[in-house]
Amino acid sequence: MLAFNSAQRAHQNFNENHPTVLGTLLISGLRWPVATAVLGAFWSVNRIIYAIGYAKSGEEGGKGRYYGILWMIAHYSLIIMSGISAYKIAMA
């Protein structure tokens, strides 16, 4: 039961972050398509590692999620890139 709850929490965390990433991929991809694709792939792979680690370490309080925590680097990088892209587009 604890493993199911951990998997469910990992999935909900994904659902909370996925719309933001989709928006940032669309906006930052207009200016930096290759970097955006690389960061998007990096985000996706680390989200899978995060979910598997979280689900398999439910008895330990979900400590396995720290293996995939690097998704945050890609997430915030994409947010910054999309902010810069939006600013440059608005000022053009």
C-alpha atoms as a PDB file:
ATOM      1  CA  MET A   1       0.000   0.000   0.000  1.00  0.00           C
ATOM      2  CA  LEU A   2       2.821   2.401   0.780  1.00  0.00           C
ATOM      3  CA  ALA A   3       4.432   1.774  -2.634  1.00  0.00           C
ATOM      4  CA  PHE A   4       1.138   2.597  -4.334  1.00  0.00           C
ATOM      5  CA  ASN A   5       0.804   5.839  -2.372  1.00  0.00           C
ATOM      6  CA  SER A   6       4.362   6.796  -3.277  1.00  0.00           C
ATOM      7  CA  ALA A   7       3.738   6.064  -6.949  1.00  0.00           C
ATOM      8  CA  GLN A   8       0.547   8.089  -6.794  1.00  0.00           C
ATOM      9  CA  ARG A   9       2.370  11.058  -5.235  1.00  0.00           C
ATOM     10  CA  ALA A  10       5.111  10.856  -7.874  1.00  0.00           C
ATOM     11  CA  HIS A  11       2.444  10.869 -10.582  1.00  0.00           C
ATOM     12  CA  GLN A  12       0.656  13.846  -9.051  1.00  0.00           C
ATOM     13  CA  ASN A  13       3.944  15.738  -8.848  1.00  0.00           C
ATOM     14  CA  PHE A  14       4.420  15.005 -12.546  1.00  0.00           C
ATOM     15  CA  ASN A  15       0.904  16.296 -13.284  1.00  0.00           C
ATOM     16  CA  GLU A  16       1.668  19.527 -11.436  1.00  0.00           C
ATOM     17  CA  ASN A  17       4.896  20.204 -13.337  1.00  0.00           C
ATOM     18  CA  HIS A  18       4.075  18.917 -16.815  1.00  0.00           C
ATOM     19  CA  PRO A  19       1.947  21.891 -18.026  1.00  0.00           C
ATOM     20  CA  THR A  20       4.677  24.343 -17.065  1.00  0.00           C
ATOM     21  CA  VAL A  21       7.281  22.374 -18.973  1.00  0.00           C
ATOM     22  CA  LEU A  22       5.070  22.106 -22.057  1.00  0.00           C
ATOM     23  CA  GLY A  23       4.606  25.875 -22.074  1.00  0.00           C
ATOM     24  CA  THR A  24       8.285  26.564 -21.605  1.00  0.00           C
ATOM     25  CA  LEU A  25       9.178  24.075 -24.343  1.00  0.00           C
ATOM     26  CA  LEU A  26       6.877  25.889 -26.768  1.00  0.00           C
ATOM     27  CA  ILE A  27       8.152  29.363 -25.934  1.00  0.00           C
ATOM     28  CA  SER A  28      11.873  28.716 -25.504  1.00  0.00           C
ATOM     29  CA  GLY A  29      11.877  26.423 -28.543  1.00  0.00           C
ATOM     30  CA  LEU A  30      11.182  29.428 -30.741  1.00  0.00           C
ATOM     31  CA  ARG A  31      14.591  30.886 -29.936  1.00  0.00           C
ATOM     32  CA  TRP A  32      16.748  27.903 -28.923  1.00  0.00           C
ATOM     33  CA  PRO A  33      15.273  24.753 -30.504  1.00  0.00           C
ATOM     34  CA  VAL A  34      18.237  22.411 -29.959  1.00  0.00           C
ATOM     35  CA  ALA A  35      18.924  23.442 -26.361  1.00  0.00           C
ATOM     36  CA  THR A  36      15.208  23.213 -25.612  1.00  0.00           C
ATOM     37  CA  ALA A  37      15.012  19.705 -27.068  1.00  0.00           C
ATOM     38  CA  VAL A  38      18.026  18.573 -25.042  1.00  0.00           C
ATOM     39  CA  LEU A  39      16.625  20.033 -21.824  1.00  0.00           C
ATOM     40  CA  GLY A  40      13.216  18.527 -22.561  1.00  0.00           C
ATOM     41  CA  ALA A  41      14.746  15.076 -23.026  1.00  0.00           C
ATOM     42  CA  PHE A  42      16.833  15.539 -19.875  1.00  0.00           C
ATOM     43  CA  TRP A  43      13.698  16.553 -17.956  1.00  0.00           C
ATOM     44  CA  SER A  44      11.769  13.533 -19.245  1.00  0.00           C
ATOM     45  CA  VAL A  45      14.459  10.990 -18.393  1.00  0.00           C
ATOM     46  CA  ASN A  46      14.948  12.393 -14.914  1.00  0.00           C
ATOM     47  CA  ARG A  47      11.199  12.440 -14.266  1.00  0.00           C
ATOM     48  CA  ILE A  48      11.104   8.709 -15.026  1.00  0.00           C
ATOM     49  CA  ILE A  49      14.038   8.091 -12.673  1.00  0.00           C
ATOM     50  CA  TYR A  50      12.305  10.253 -10.054  1.00  0.00           C
ATOM     51  CA  ALA A  51       9.027   8.319 -10.324  1.00  0.00           C
ATOM     52  CA  ILE A  52      10.652   4.886 -10.220  1.00  0.00           C
ATOM     53  CA  GLY A  53      12.868   5.858  -7.298  1.00  0.00           C
ATOM     54  CA  TYR A  54       9.962   7.360  -5.384  1.00  0.00           C
ATOM     55  CA  ALA A  55       7.694   4.363  -5.959  1.00  0.00           C
ATOM     56  CA  LYS A  56      10.314   1.775  -5.015  1.00  0.00           C
ATOM     57  CA  SER A  57      11.414   3.533  -1.843  1.00  0.00           C
ATOM     58  CA  GLY A  58       8.013   4.081  -0.240  1.00  0.00           C
ATOM     59  CA  GLU A  59       9.021   2.261   2.940  1.00  0.00           C
ATOM     60  CA  GLU A  60      12.027   4.580   3.305  1.00  0.00           C
ATOM     61  CA  GLY A  61       9.981   7.736   3.015  1.00  0.00           C
ATOM     62  CA  GLY A  62      10.492   8.122  -0.730  1.00  0.00           C
ATOM     63  CA  LYS A  63      14.213   8.772  -0.545  1.00  0.00           C
ATOM     64  CA  GLY A  64      14.694   7.181  -3.977  1.00  0.00           C
ATOM     65  CA  ARG A  65      13.236  10.278  -5.615  1.00  0.00           C
ATOM     66  CA  TYR A  66      16.524  12.071  -5.031  1.00  0.00           C
ATOM     67  CA  TYR A  67      18.119  10.006  -7.812  1.00  0.00           C
ATOM     68  CA  GLY A  68      16.052  11.856 -10.382  1.00  0.00           C
ATOM     69  CA  ILE A  69      16.039  15.269  -8.745  1.00  0.00           C
ATOM     70  CA  LEU A  70      18.084  16.735 -11.607  1.00  0.00           C
ATOM     71  CA  TRP A  71      14.811  17.342 -13.447  1.00  0.00           C
ATOM     72  CA  MET A  72      14.641  20.581 -11.480  1.00  0.00           C
ATOM     73  CA  ILE A  73      17.737  21.922 -13.226  1.00  0.00           C
ATOM     74  CA  ALA A  74      16.132  21.398 -16.620  1.00  0.00           C
ATOM     75  CA  HIS A  75      12.801  22.737 -15.347  1.00  0.00           C
ATOM     76  CA  TYR A  76      14.183  26.031 -14.076  1.00  0.00           C
ATOM     77  CA  SER A  77      16.520  26.394 -17.048  1.00  0.00           C
ATOM     78  CA  LEU A  78      13.538  26.110 -19.371  1.00  0.00           C
ATOM     79  CA  ILE A  79      11.610  28.680 -17.336  1.00  0.00           C
ATOM     80  CA  ILE A  80      14.499  31.146 -17.577  1.00  0.00           C
ATOM     81  CA  MET A  81      14.954  30.465 -21.294  1.00  0.00           C
ATOM     82  CA  SER A  82      11.265  30.975 -22.001  1.00  0.00           C
ATOM     83  CA  GLY A  83      11.265  34.199 -20.011  1.00  0.00           C
ATOM     84  CA  ILE A  84      14.165  35.518 -22.065  1.00  0.00           C
ATOM     85  CA  SER A  85      12.502  34.343 -25.292  1.00  0.00           C
ATOM     86  CA  ALA A  86       9.199  35.977 -24.407  1.00  0.00           C
ATOM     87  CA  TYR A  87      10.949  39.219 -23.496  1.00  0.00           C
ATOM     88  CA  LYS A  88      12.951  39.266 -26.752  1.00  0.00           C
ATOM     89  CA  ILE A  89       9.830  38.517 -28.805  1.00  0.00           C
ATOM     90  CA  ALA A  90       7.831  41.222 -27.021  1.00  0.00           C
ATOM     91  CA  MET A  91      10.580  43.808 -27.511  1.00  0.00           C
ATOM     92  CA  ALA A  92      11.105  43.012 -31.224  1.00  0.00           C
END
